[in-house]
PDB file of N, CA and C in Angstrom:
ATOM      1  N   MET A   1      -2.171   1.792 -13.208  1.00  0.00           N
ATOM      2  CA  MET A   1      -2.690   0.475 -12.930  1.00  0.00           C
ATOM      3  C   MET A   1      -2.226  -0.137 -11.604  1.00  0.00           C
ATOM      4  N   PRO A   2      -1.059   0.200 -11.195  1.00  0.00           N
ATOM      5  CA  PRO A   2      -0.692  -0.208  -9.770  1.00  0.00           C
ATOM      6  C   PRO A   2      -1.575   0.662  -8.741  1.00  0.00           C
ATOM      7  N   LEU A   3      -1.945  -0.026  -7.716  1.00  0.00           N
ATOM      8  CA  LEU A   3      -2.803   0.622  -6.640  1.00  0.00           C
ATOM      9  C   LEU A   3      -2.169   0.138  -5.305  1.00  0.00           C
ATOM     10  N   ILE A   4      -2.088   1.157  -4.355  1.00  0.00           N
ATOM     11  CA  ILE A   4      -1.717   0.790  -2.963  1.00  0.00           C
ATOM     12  C   ILE A   4      -2.718   1.526  -2.081  1.00  0.00           C
ATOM     13  N   GLN A   5      -3.385   0.683  -1.233  1.00  0.00           N
ATOM     14  CA  GLN A   5      -4.305   1.239  -0.350  1.00  0.00           C
ATOM     15  C   GLN A   5      -3.878   0.951   1.070  1.00  0.00           C
ATOM     16  N   VAL A   6      -3.989   1.948   1.961  1.00  0.00           N
ATOM     17  CA  VAL A   6      -3.542   1.875   3.275  1.00  0.00           C
ATOM     18  C   VAL A   6      -4.682   1.948   4.154  1.00  0.00           C
ATOM     19  N   LYS A   7      -4.962   1.010   5.027  1.00  0.00           N
ATOM     20  CA  LYS A   7      -5.973   1.122   5.966  1.00  0.00           C
ATOM     21  C   LYS A   7      -5.375   0.849   7.383  1.00  0.00           C
ATOM     22  N   THR A   8      -5.683   1.741   8.330  1.00  0.00           N
ATOM     23  CA  THR A   8      -5.027   1.631   9.628  1.00  0.00           C
ATOM     24  C   THR A   8      -5.919   2.001  10.745  1.00  0.00           C
ATOM     25  N   SER A   9      -5.621   1.555  11.891  1.00  0.00           N
ATOM     26  CA  SER A   9      -6.282   1.903  13.136  1.00  0.00           C
ATOM     27  C   SER A   9      -5.849   3.227  13.759  1.00  0.00           C
ATOM     28  N   VAL A  10      -4.725   3.653  13.401  1.00  0.00           N
ATOM     29  CA  VAL A  10      -4.058   4.865  14.006  1.00  0.00           C
ATOM     30  C   VAL A  10      -5.008   6.109  13.707  1.00  0.00           C
ATOM     31  N   THR A  11      -4.982   7.069  14.682  1.00  0.00           N
ATOM     32  CA  THR A  11      -5.652   8.260  14.510  1.00  0.00           C
ATOM     33  C   THR A  11      -5.088   9.051  13.347  1.00  0.00           C
ATOM     34  N   GLN A  12      -5.996   9.707  12.597  1.00  0.00           N
ATOM     35  CA  GLN A  12      -5.500  10.385  11.442  1.00  0.00           C
ATOM     36  C   GLN A  12      -4.417  11.334  11.727  1.00  0.00           C
ATOM     37  N   PRO A  13      -3.289  11.183  11.050  1.00  0.00           N
ATOM     38  CA  PRO A  13      -2.074  12.087  11.208  1.00  0.00           C
ATOM     39  C   PRO A  13      -2.495  13.462  10.484  1.00  0.00           C
ATOM     40  N   GLU A  14      -1.621  14.321  10.703  1.00  0.00           N
ATOM     41  CA  GLU A  14      -1.754  15.635  10.039  1.00  0.00           C
ATOM     42  C   GLU A  14      -1.681  15.506   8.525  1.00  0.00           C
ATOM     43  N   SER A  15      -2.312  16.304   7.712  1.00  0.00           N
ATOM     44  CA  SER A  15      -2.337  16.219   6.291  1.00  0.00           C
ATOM     45  C   SER A  15      -0.992  16.065   5.650  1.00  0.00           C
ATOM     46  N   LYS A  16       0.024  16.755   6.140  1.00  0.00           N
ATOM     47  CA  LYS A  16       1.373  16.664   5.664  1.00  0.00           C
ATOM     48  C   LYS A  16       2.032  15.316   5.750  1.00  0.00           C
ATOM     49  N   VAL A  17       1.646  14.624   6.875  1.00  0.00           N
ATOM     50  CA  VAL A  17       2.129  13.281   7.091  1.00  0.00           C
ATOM     51  C   VAL A  17       1.591  12.311   6.169  1.00  0.00           C
ATOM     52  N   ILE A  18       0.228  12.392   5.861  1.00  0.00           N
ATOM     53  CA  ILE A  18      -0.475  11.611   4.917  1.00  0.00           C
ATOM     54  C   ILE A  18       0.067  11.833   3.481  1.00  0.00           C
ATOM     55  N   GLU A  19       0.205  13.059   3.160  1.00  0.00           N
ATOM     56  CA  GLU A  19       0.706  13.444   1.829  1.00  0.00           C
ATOM     57  C   GLU A  19       2.024  12.773   1.560  1.00  0.00           C
ATOM     58  N   SER A  20       2.976  13.005   2.517  1.00  0.00           N
ATOM     59  CA  SER A  20       4.315  12.413   2.424  1.00  0.00           C
ATOM     60  C   SER A  20       4.257  10.926   2.369  1.00  0.00           C
ATOM     61  N   LEU A  21       3.445  10.282   3.194  1.00  0.00           N
ATOM     62  CA  LEU A  21       3.314   8.835   3.085  1.00  0.00           C
ATOM     63  C   LEU A  21       2.903   8.329   1.696  1.00  0.00           C
ATOM     64  N   LEU A  22       1.899   8.981   1.252  1.00  0.00           N
ATOM     65  CA  LEU A  22       1.273   8.519  -0.054  1.00  0.00           C
ATOM     66  C   LEU A  22       2.254   8.728  -1.273  1.00  0.00           C
ATOM     67  N   THR A  23       2.944   9.915  -1.277  1.00  0.00           N
ATOM     68  CA  THR A  23       3.830  10.209  -2.251  1.00  0.00           C
ATOM     69  C   THR A  23       5.067   9.291  -2.209  1.00  0.00           C
ATOM     70  N   THR A  24       5.521   8.951  -1.015  1.00  0.00           N
ATOM     71  CA  THR A  24       6.618   7.930  -0.838  1.00  0.00           C
ATOM     72  C   THR A  24       6.231   6.545  -1.327  1.00  0.00           C
ATOM     73  N   LEU A  25       4.972   6.143  -0.921  1.00  0.00           N
ATOM     74  CA  LEU A  25       4.590   4.859  -1.396  1.00  0.00           C
ATOM     75  C   LEU A  25       4.407   4.716  -2.852  1.00  0.00           C
ATOM     76  N   SER A  26       3.804   5.865  -3.477  1.00  0.00           N
ATOM     77  CA  SER A  26       3.585   5.975  -4.970  1.00  0.00           C
ATOM     78  C   SER A  26       4.952   5.779  -5.581  1.00  0.00           C
ATOM     79  N   ALA A  27       5.910   6.487  -5.301  1.00  0.00           N
ATOM     80  CA  ALA A  27       7.228   6.403  -5.952  1.00  0.00           C
ATOM     81  C   ALA A  27       7.905   5.070  -5.736  1.00  0.00           C
ATOM     82  N   LYS A  28       7.829   4.558  -4.517  1.00  0.00           N
ATOM     83  CA  LYS A  28       8.429   3.301  -4.261  1.00  0.00           C
ATOM     84  C   LYS A  28       7.688   2.119  -4.990  1.00  0.00           C
ATOM     85  N   LEU A  29       6.391   2.172  -5.095  1.00  0.00           N
ATOM     86  CA  LEU A  29       5.630   1.151  -5.844  1.00  0.00           C
ATOM     87  C   LEU A  29       6.050   1.177  -7.320  1.00  0.00           C
ATOM     88  N   ALA A  30       6.023   2.352  -7.925  1.00  0.00           N
ATOM     89  CA  ALA A  30       6.546   2.455  -9.300  1.00  0.00           C
ATOM     90  C   ALA A  30       7.816   1.886  -9.499  1.00  0.00           C
ATOM     91  N   GLN A  31       8.670   2.170  -8.679  1.00  0.00           N
ATOM     92  CA  GLN A  31      10.137   1.741  -8.693  1.00  0.00           C
ATOM     93  C   GLN A  31      10.146   0.215  -8.634  1.00  0.00           C
ATOM     94  N   HIS A  32       9.522  -0.345  -7.637  1.00  0.00           N
ATOM     95  CA  HIS A  32       9.455  -1.752  -7.399  1.00  0.00           C
ATOM     96  C   HIS A  32       8.912  -2.560  -8.660  1.00  0.00           C
ATOM     97  N   LEU A  33       7.886  -1.967  -9.179  1.00  0.00           N
ATOM     98  CA  LEU A  33       7.190  -2.636 -10.328  1.00  0.00           C
ATOM     99  C   LEU A  33       7.739  -2.247 -11.664  1.00  0.00           C
ATOM    100  N   GLY A  34       8.658  -1.326 -11.788  1.00  0.00           N
ATOM    101  CA  GLY A  34       9.239  -0.814 -13.030  1.00  0.00           C
ATOM    102  C   GLY A  34       8.189  -0.327 -13.933  1.00  0.00           C
ATOM    103  N   LYS A  35       7.174   0.462 -13.282  1.00  0.00           N
ATOM    104  CA  LYS A  35       6.100   1.041 -14.046  1.00  0.00           C
ATOM    105  C   LYS A  35       6.129   2.528 -13.868  1.00  0.00           C
ATOM    106  N   PRO A  36       5.565   3.309 -14.780  1.00  0.00           N
ATOM    107  CA  PRO A  36       5.560   4.818 -14.642  1.00  0.00           C
ATOM    108  C   PRO A  36       4.656   5.200 -13.471  1.00  0.00           C
ATOM    109  N   GLU A  37       5.223   6.018 -12.705  1.00  0.00           N
ATOM    110  CA  GLU A  37       4.449   6.635 -11.617  1.00  0.00           C
ATOM    111  C   GLU A  37       3.054   7.239 -11.963  1.00  0.00           C
ATOM    112  N   SER A  38       3.073   7.707 -13.209  1.00  0.00           N
ATOM    113  CA  SER A  38       1.871   8.316 -13.686  1.00  0.00           C
ATOM    114  C   SER A  38       0.674   7.478 -13.682  1.00  0.00           C
ATOM    115  N   TYR A  39       0.835   6.175 -13.508  1.00  0.00           N
ATOM    116  CA  TYR A  39      -0.291   5.204 -13.533  1.00  0.00           C
ATOM    117  C   TYR A  39      -0.591   4.734 -12.067  1.00  0.00           C
ATOM    118  N   VAL A  40       0.262   5.122 -11.094  1.00  0.00           N
ATOM    119  CA  VAL A  40       0.099   4.656  -9.696  1.00  0.00           C
ATOM    120  C   VAL A  40      -1.015   5.452  -8.928  1.00  0.00           C
ATOM    121  N   MET A  41      -1.874   4.764  -8.295  1.00  0.00           N
ATOM    122  CA  MET A  41      -2.860   5.414  -7.397  1.00  0.00           C
ATOM    123  C   MET A  41      -2.693   4.968  -5.987  1.00  0.00           C
ATOM    124  N   THR A  42      -2.789   5.847  -5.021  1.00  0.00           N
ATOM    125  CA  THR A  42      -2.678   5.515  -3.603  1.00  0.00           C
ATOM    126  C   THR A  42      -3.933   6.078  -2.869  1.00  0.00           C
ATOM    127  N   SER A  43      -4.216   5.429  -1.699  1.00  0.00           N
ATOM    128  CA  SER A  43      -5.321   5.944  -0.872  1.00  0.00           C
ATOM    129  C   SER A  43      -4.921   5.580   0.603  1.00  0.00           C
ATOM    130  N   PHE A  44      -5.642   6.365   1.446  1.00  0.00           N
ATOM    131  CA  PHE A  44      -5.314   6.231   2.966  1.00  0.00           C
ATOM    132  C   PHE A  44      -6.628   6.341   3.700  1.00  0.00           C
ATOM    133  N   ASP A  45      -6.858   5.356   4.567  1.00  0.00           N
ATOM    134  CA  ASP A  45      -7.966   5.365   5.503  1.00  0.00           C
ATOM    135  C   ASP A  45      -7.417   5.186   6.927  1.00  0.00           C
ATOM    136  N   SER A  46      -7.858   6.026   7.836  1.00  0.00           N
ATOM    137  CA  SER A  46      -7.300   5.899   9.194  1.00  0.00           C
ATOM    138  C   SER A  46      -8.507   5.811  10.115  1.00  0.00           C
ATOM    139  N   ASP A  47      -8.234   5.621  11.404  1.00  0.00           N
ATOM    140  CA  ASP A  47      -9.343   5.599  12.482  1.00  0.00           C
ATOM    141  C   ASP A  47     -10.253   4.393  12.266  1.00  0.00           C
ATOM    142  N   ILE A  48      -9.797   3.348  11.603  1.00  0.00           N
ATOM    143  CA  ILE A  48     -10.643   2.097  11.422  1.00  0.00           C
ATOM    144  C   ILE A  48     -10.509   1.240  12.579  1.00  0.00           C
ATOM    145  N   LYS A  49     -11.654   0.792  13.110  1.00  0.00           N
ATOM    146  CA  LYS A  49     -11.644  -0.160  14.344  1.00  0.00           C
ATOM    147  C   LYS A  49     -11.073  -1.499  13.708  1.00  0.00           C
ATOM    148  N   MET A  50      -9.936  -1.867  14.207  1.00  0.00           N
ATOM    149  CA  MET A  50      -9.255  -3.105  13.749  1.00  0.00           C
ATOM    150  C   MET A  50      -8.606  -3.798  14.916  1.00  0.00           C
ATOM    151  N   THR A  51      -8.539  -5.053  14.793  1.00  0.00           N
ATOM    152  CA  THR A  51      -7.786  -5.875  15.822  1.00  0.00           C
ATOM    153  C   THR A  51      -6.742  -6.705  15.047  1.00  0.00           C
ATOM    154  N   PHE A  52      -5.741  -7.097  15.828  1.00  0.00           N
ATOM    155  CA  PHE A  52      -4.636  -7.997  15.376  1.00  0.00           C
ATOM    156  C   PHE A  52      -4.218  -8.635  16.584  1.00  0.00           C
ATOM    157  N   SER A  53      -4.084 -10.020  16.490  1.00  0.00           N
ATOM    158  CA  SER A  53      -3.619 -10.801  17.657  1.00  0.00           C
ATOM    159  C   SER A  53      -4.496 -10.596  18.945  1.00  0.00           C
ATOM    160  N   GLY A  54      -5.718 -10.223  18.693  1.00  0.00           N
ATOM    161  CA  GLY A  54      -6.645 -10.039  19.757  1.00  0.00           C
ATOM    162  C   GLY A  54      -6.600  -8.757  20.524  1.00  0.00           C
ATOM    163  N   THR A  55      -5.811  -7.781  19.995  1.00  0.00           N
ATOM    164  CA  THR A  55      -5.767  -6.463  20.624  1.00  0.00           C
ATOM    165  C   THR A  55      -6.049  -5.314  19.696  1.00  0.00           C
ATOM    166  N   PHE A  56      -6.340  -4.147  20.234  1.00  0.00           N
ATOM    167  CA  PHE A  56      -6.557  -3.035  19.481  1.00  0.00           C
ATOM    168  C   PHE A  56      -5.448  -2.096  19.360  1.00  0.00           C
ATOM    169  N   ASP A  57      -4.179  -2.598  19.609  1.00  0.00           N
ATOM    170  CA  ASP A  57      -2.930  -1.883  19.434  1.00  0.00           C
ATOM    171  C   ASP A  57      -2.823  -1.402  17.981  1.00  0.00           C
ATOM    172  N   PRO A  58      -2.093  -0.370  17.677  1.00  0.00           N
ATOM    173  CA  PRO A  58      -2.043   0.073  16.247  1.00  0.00           C
ATOM    174  C   PRO A  58      -1.779  -1.080  15.277  1.00  0.00           C
ATOM    175  N   VAL A  59      -2.506  -1.007  14.152  1.00  0.00           N
ATOM    176  CA  VAL A  59      -2.378  -2.127  13.178  1.00  0.00           C
ATOM    177  C   VAL A  59      -2.536  -1.438  11.772  1.00  0.00           C
ATOM    178  N   CYS A  60      -2.047  -2.123  10.804  1.00  0.00           N
ATOM    179  CA  CYS A  60      -2.176  -1.534   9.376  1.00  0.00           C
ATOM    180  C   CYS A  60      -2.323  -2.674   8.458  1.00  0.00           C
ATOM    181  N   TYR A  61      -3.122  -2.457   7.381  1.00  0.00           N
ATOM    182  CA  TYR A  61      -3.348  -3.335   6.315  1.00  0.00           C
ATOM    183  C   TYR A  61      -3.092  -2.635   4.944  1.00  0.00           C
ATOM    184  N   LEU A  62      -2.236  -3.206   4.199  1.00  0.00           N
ATOM    185  CA  LEU A  62      -1.944  -2.584   2.827  1.00  0.00           C
ATOM    186  C   LEU A  62      -2.475  -3.567   1.800  1.00  0.00           C
ATOM    187  N   GLU A  63      -3.132  -3.034   0.711  1.00  0.00           N
ATOM    188  CA  GLU A  63      -3.498  -3.832  -0.386  1.00  0.00           C
ATOM    189  C   GLU A  63      -2.728  -3.255  -1.632  1.00  0.00           C
ATOM    190  N   ILE A  64      -2.050  -4.151  -2.269  1.00  0.00           N
ATOM    191  CA  ILE A  64      -1.335  -3.753  -3.496  1.00  0.00           C
ATOM    192  C   ILE A  64      -1.881  -4.574  -4.664  1.00  0.00           C
ATOM    193  N   LYS A  65      -2.285  -3.823  -5.692  1.00  0.00           N
ATOM    194  CA  LYS A  65      -2.742  -4.516  -6.946  1.00  0.00           C
ATOM    195  C   LYS A  65      -1.953  -3.997  -8.145  1.00  0.00           C
ATOM    196  N   SER A  66      -1.813  -4.842  -9.074  1.00  0.00           N
ATOM    197  CA  SER A  66      -1.112  -4.487 -10.302  1.00  0.00           C
ATOM    198  C   SER A  66      -1.410  -5.380 -11.377  1.00  0.00           C
ATOM    199  N   VAL A  67      -1.442  -4.829 -12.569  1.00  0.00           N
ATOM    200  CA  VAL A  67      -1.402  -5.689 -13.777  1.00  0.00           C
ATOM    201  C   VAL A  67       0.006  -6.042 -14.142  1.00  0.00           C
ATOM    202  N   GLY A  68       0.364  -7.374 -13.873  1.00  0.00           N
ATOM    203  CA  GLY A  68       1.677  -7.759 -14.079  1.00  0.00           C
ATOM    204  C   GLY A  68       2.721  -7.147 -13.188  1.00  0.00           C
ATOM    205  N   GLY A  69       3.919  -7.602 -13.373  1.00  0.00           N
ATOM    206  CA  GLY A  69       5.103  -7.005 -12.555  1.00  0.00           C
ATOM    207  C   GLY A  69       5.457  -7.491 -11.296  1.00  0.00           C
ATOM    208  N   MET A  70       4.471  -8.467 -10.648  1.00  0.00           N
ATOM    209  CA  MET A  70       4.748  -8.921  -9.366  1.00  0.00           C
ATOM    210  C   MET A  70       5.259 -10.395  -9.461  1.00  0.00           C
ATOM    211  N   SER A  71       6.287 -10.646  -8.717  1.00  0.00           N
ATOM    212  CA  SER A  71       6.842 -11.947  -8.605  1.00  0.00           C
ATOM    213  C   SER A  71       7.184 -12.155  -7.086  1.00  0.00           C
ATOM    214  N   PRO A  72       7.391 -13.455  -6.688  1.00  0.00           N
ATOM    215  CA  PRO A  72       7.835 -13.626  -5.243  1.00  0.00           C
ATOM    216  C   PRO A  72       8.936 -12.875  -4.744  1.00  0.00           C
ATOM    217  N   SER A  73       9.939 -12.734  -5.591  1.00  0.00           N
ATOM    218  CA  SER A  73      11.066 -11.783  -5.147  1.00  0.00           C
ATOM    219  C   SER A  73      10.702 -10.466  -4.917  1.00  0.00           C
ATOM    220  N   LYS A  74       9.795  -9.833  -5.830  1.00  0.00           N
ATOM    221  CA  LYS A  74       9.419  -8.467  -5.817  1.00  0.00           C
ATOM    222  C   LYS A  74       8.484  -8.260  -4.624  1.00  0.00           C
ATOM    223  N   THR A  75       7.518  -9.258  -4.402  1.00  0.00           N
ATOM    224  CA  THR A  75       6.590  -9.011  -3.239  1.00  0.00           C
ATOM    225  C   THR A  75       7.329  -9.091  -1.867  1.00  0.00           C
ATOM    226  N   LYS A  76       8.391  -9.958  -1.797  1.00  0.00           N
ATOM    227  CA  LYS A  76       9.172  -9.961  -0.591  1.00  0.00           C
ATOM    228  C   LYS A  76       9.919  -8.656  -0.359  1.00  0.00           C
ATOM    229  N   SER A  77      10.525  -8.160  -1.436  1.00  0.00           N
ATOM    230  CA  SER A  77      11.191  -6.849  -1.349  1.00  0.00           C
ATOM    231  C   SER A  77      10.273  -5.739  -1.026  1.00  0.00           C
ATOM    232  N   MET A  78       9.101  -5.731  -1.646  1.00  0.00           N
ATOM    233  CA  MET A  78       8.096  -4.716  -1.362  1.00  0.00           C
ATOM    234  C   MET A  78       7.631  -4.777   0.130  1.00  0.00           C
ATOM    235  N   SER A  79       7.324  -5.982   0.648  1.00  0.00           N
ATOM    236  CA  SER A  79       6.931  -6.231   1.924  1.00  0.00           C
ATOM    237  C   SER A  79       7.938  -5.591   2.986  1.00  0.00           C
ATOM    238  N   LYS A  80       9.193  -5.842   2.712  1.00  0.00           N
ATOM    239  CA  LYS A  80      10.193  -5.294   3.648  1.00  0.00           C
ATOM    240  C   LYS A  80      10.203  -3.785   3.547  1.00  0.00           C
ATOM    241  N   ASP A  81      10.242  -3.313   2.391  1.00  0.00           N
ATOM    242  CA  ASP A  81      10.246  -1.796   2.151  1.00  0.00           C
ATOM    243  C   ASP A  81       9.012  -1.052   2.748  1.00  0.00           C
ATOM    244  N   PHE A  82       7.825  -1.563   2.286  1.00  0.00           N
ATOM    245  CA  PHE A  82       6.675  -0.902   2.752  1.00  0.00           C
ATOM    246  C   PHE A  82       6.357  -1.031   4.223  1.00  0.00           C
ATOM    247  N   CYS A  83       6.603  -2.182   4.839  1.00  0.00           N
ATOM    248  CA  CYS A  83       6.449  -2.349   6.332  1.00  0.00           C
ATOM    249  C   CYS A  83       7.330  -1.316   7.025  1.00  0.00           C
ATOM    250  N   GLN A  84       8.575  -1.111   6.541  1.00  0.00           N
ATOM    251  CA  GLN A  84       9.488  -0.094   7.142  1.00  0.00           C
ATOM    252  C   GLN A  84       8.937   1.229   7.016  1.00  0.00           C
ATOM    253  N   VAL A  85       8.355   1.689   5.888  1.00  0.00           N
ATOM    254  CA  VAL A  85       7.785   2.956   5.635  1.00  0.00           C
ATOM    255  C   VAL A  85       6.573   3.145   6.566  1.00  0.00           C
ATOM    256  N   ILE A  86       5.760   2.167   6.738  1.00  0.00           N
ATOM    257  CA  ILE A  86       4.662   2.294   7.628  1.00  0.00           C
ATOM    258  C   ILE A  86       5.003   2.424   9.159  1.00  0.00           C
ATOM    259  N   GLU A  87       6.114   1.672   9.494  1.00  0.00           N
ATOM    260  CA  GLU A  87       6.558   1.808  10.861  1.00  0.00           C
ATOM    261  C   GLU A  87       7.112   3.293  11.082  1.00  0.00           C
ATOM    262  N   ASP A  88       7.980   3.673  10.125  1.00  0.00           N
ATOM    263  CA  ASP A  88       8.628   5.063  10.220  1.00  0.00           C
ATOM    264  C   ASP A  88       7.494   6.275  10.261  1.00  0.00           C
ATOM    265  N   GLU A  89       6.516   6.099   9.348  1.00  0.00           N
ATOM    266  CA  GLU A  89       5.691   7.198   9.130  1.00  0.00           C
ATOM    267  C   GLU A  89       4.385   7.096  10.164  1.00  0.00           C
ATOM    268  N   LEU A  90       3.880   5.921  10.454  1.00  0.00           N
ATOM    269  CA  LEU A  90       2.737   5.895  11.196  1.00  0.00           C
ATOM    270  C   LEU A  90       2.981   5.200  12.629  1.00  0.00           C
ATOM    271  N   GLY A  91       4.218   4.665  12.839  1.00  0.00           N
ATOM    272  CA  GLY A  91       4.501   4.080  14.102  1.00  0.00           C
ATOM    273  C   GLY A  91       3.854   2.721  14.373  1.00  0.00           C
ATOM    274  N   VAL A  92       3.329   2.048  13.288  1.00  0.00           N
ATOM    275  CA  VAL A  92       2.848   0.741  13.372  1.00  0.00           C
ATOM    276  C   VAL A  92       4.021  -0.289  13.243  1.00  0.00           C
ATOM    277  N   PRO A  93       4.185  -1.150  14.224  1.00  0.00           N
ATOM    278  CA  PRO A  93       5.269  -2.132  14.117  1.00  0.00           C
ATOM    279  C   PRO A  93       5.112  -3.000  12.883  1.00  0.00           C
ATOM    280  N   LYS A  94       6.244  -3.394  12.324  1.00  0.00           N
ATOM    281  CA  LYS A  94       6.246  -4.285  11.169  1.00  0.00           C
ATOM    282  C   LYS A  94       5.405  -5.591  11.382  1.00  0.00           C
ATOM    283  N   ASN A  95       5.543  -6.045  12.690  1.00  0.00           N
ATOM    284  CA  ASN A  95       4.804  -7.374  12.962  1.00  0.00           C
ATOM    285  C   ASN A  95       3.266  -7.093  13.165  1.00  0.00           C
ATOM    286  N   ARG A  96       2.776  -5.846  12.946  1.00  0.00           N
ATOM    287  CA  ARG A  96       1.327  -5.598  13.009  1.00  0.00           C
ATOM    288  C   ARG A  96       0.855  -5.024  11.712  1.00  0.00           C
ATOM    289  N   THR A  97       1.574  -5.401  10.681  1.00  0.00           N
ATOM    290  CA  THR A  97       1.165  -4.883   9.324  1.00  0.00           C
ATOM    291  C   THR A  97       1.044  -6.096   8.433  1.00  0.00           C
ATOM    292  N   TYR A  98      -0.083  -6.187   7.806  1.00  0.00           N
ATOM    293  CA  TYR A  98      -0.336  -7.209   6.737  1.00  0.00           C
ATOM    294  C   TYR A  98      -0.328  -6.569   5.379  1.00  0.00           C
ATOM    295  N   ILE A  99       0.117  -7.221   4.346  1.00  0.00           N
ATOM    296  CA  ILE A  99       0.063  -6.754   3.005  1.00  0.00           C
ATOM    297  C   ILE A  99      -0.505  -7.757   2.105  1.00  0.00           C
ATOM    298  N   GLU A 100      -1.615  -7.441   1.380  1.00  0.00           N
ATOM    299  CA  GLU A 100      -2.097  -8.329   0.425  1.00  0.00           C
ATOM    300  C   GLU A 100      -1.657  -7.912  -0.952  1.00  0.00           C
ATOM    301  N   PHE A 101      -0.882  -8.790  -1.719  1.00  0.00           N
ATOM    302  CA  PHE A 101      -0.607  -8.507  -3.087  1.00  0.00           C
ATOM    303  C   PHE A 101      -1.511  -9.239  -4.008  1.00  0.00           C
ATOM    304  N   ALA A 102      -2.093  -8.510  -4.979  1.00  0.00           N
ATOM    305  CA  ALA A 102      -2.975  -9.152  -5.912  1.00  0.00           C
ATOM    306  C   ALA A 102      -2.659  -8.756  -7.336  1.00  0.00           C
ATOM    307  N   GLY A 103      -2.527  -9.733  -8.161  1.00  0.00           N
ATOM    308  CA  GLY A 103      -2.193  -9.479  -9.574  1.00  0.00           C
ATOM    309  C   GLY A 103      -3.687  -9.422 -10.281  1.00  0.00           C
ATOM    310  N   ALA A 104      -3.670  -8.617 -11.300  1.00  0.00           N
ATOM    311  CA  ALA A 104      -4.951  -8.449 -12.091  1.00  0.00           C
ATOM    312  C   ALA A 104      -4.685  -8.672 -13.510  1.00  0.00           C
ATOM    313  N   GLU A 105      -5.646  -9.312 -14.200  1.00  0.00           N
ATOM    314  CA  GLU A 105      -5.537  -9.343 -15.684  1.00  0.00           C
ATOM    315  C   GLU A 105      -5.911  -7.998 -16.233  1.00  0.00           C
ATOM    316  N   GLY A 106      -5.260  -7.640 -17.255  1.00  0.00           N
ATOM    317  CA  GLY A 106      -5.443  -6.357 -17.993  1.00  0.00           C
ATOM    318  C   GLY A 106      -6.882  -6.191 -18.282  1.00  0.00           C
ATOM    319  N   SER A 107      -7.647  -7.189 -18.625  1.00  0.00           N
ATOM    320  CA  SER A 107      -9.059  -7.079 -19.099  1.00  0.00           C
ATOM    321  C   SER A 107      -9.938  -6.862 -17.834  1.00  0.00           C
ATOM    322  N   MET A 108      -9.334  -6.955 -16.723  1.00  0.00           N
ATOM    323  CA  MET A 108     -10.137  -6.885 -15.399  1.00  0.00           C
ATOM    324  C   MET A 108      -9.809  -5.528 -14.768  1.00  0.00           C
ATOM    325  N   TRP A 109      -9.090  -4.641 -15.488  1.00  0.00           N
ATOM    326  CA  TRP A 109      -8.723  -3.390 -14.824  1.00  0.00           C
ATOM    327  C   TRP A 109      -9.069  -2.286 -15.859  1.00  0.00           C
ATOM    328  N   GLY A 110      -9.976  -1.413 -15.421  1.00  0.00           N
ATOM    329  CA  GLY A 110     -10.522  -0.394 -16.319  1.00  0.00           C
ATOM    330  C   GLY A 110      -9.761   0.935 -16.077  1.00  0.00           C
ATOM    331  N   TRP A 111      -9.653   1.710 -17.148  1.00  0.00           N
ATOM    332  CA  TRP A 111      -9.009   3.022 -17.063  1.00  0.00           C
ATOM    333  C   TRP A 111      -9.308   3.790 -18.350  1.00  0.00           C
ATOM    334  N   ASN A 112      -9.610   5.035 -18.223  1.00  0.00           N
ATOM    335  CA  ASN A 112      -9.758   5.961 -19.376  1.00  0.00           C
ATOM    336  C   ASN A 112     -10.776   5.423 -20.420  1.00  0.00           C
ATOM    337  N   GLY A 113     -11.934   4.788 -19.835  1.00  0.00           N
ATOM    338  CA  GLY A 113     -12.961   4.368 -20.691  1.00  0.00           C
ATOM    339  C   GLY A 113     -12.698   3.033 -21.443  1.00  0.00           C
ATOM    340  N   SER A 114     -11.531   2.419 -21.052  1.00  0.00           N
ATOM    341  CA  SER A 114     -11.238   1.117 -21.680  1.00  0.00           C
ATOM    342  C   SER A 114     -10.662   0.153 -20.585  1.00  0.00           C
ATOM    343  N   THR A 115      -9.905  -0.823 -20.976  1.00  0.00           N
ATOM    344  CA  THR A 115      -9.209  -1.695 -20.071  1.00  0.00           C
ATOM    345  C   THR A 115      -7.722  -1.848 -20.476  1.00  0.00           C
ATOM    346  N   PHE A 116      -6.920  -2.317 -19.566  1.00  0.00           N
ATOM    347  CA  PHE A 116      -5.494  -2.580 -19.924  1.00  0.00           C
ATOM    348  C   PHE A 116      -5.437  -3.905 -20.707  1.00  0.00           C
TER     349      PHE A 116
END
């Protein structure tokens, strides 16, 4: 049920870098939310034409969704952690990364032919 999507303007890195990034984010998201990693989904899109602050310098947008488990203190902690990971792995500065946190009702999240 937790989902983290990464969208960035950076040129697609090597497959190993993407795999490392996604597995790191998956484990960290499960840890932050206190949910089993077996429910976490990740995705990565690169080479997207994006601007931030009026420039085409490298930029990143993360979308994090979950059924429950998010609070202001957790989202603040996740923002710090995930911005650092993006900077370390993709070279996008923290001040050029936006993160959208979205909570979902269980009835609005489908899985395995049903909903949560």
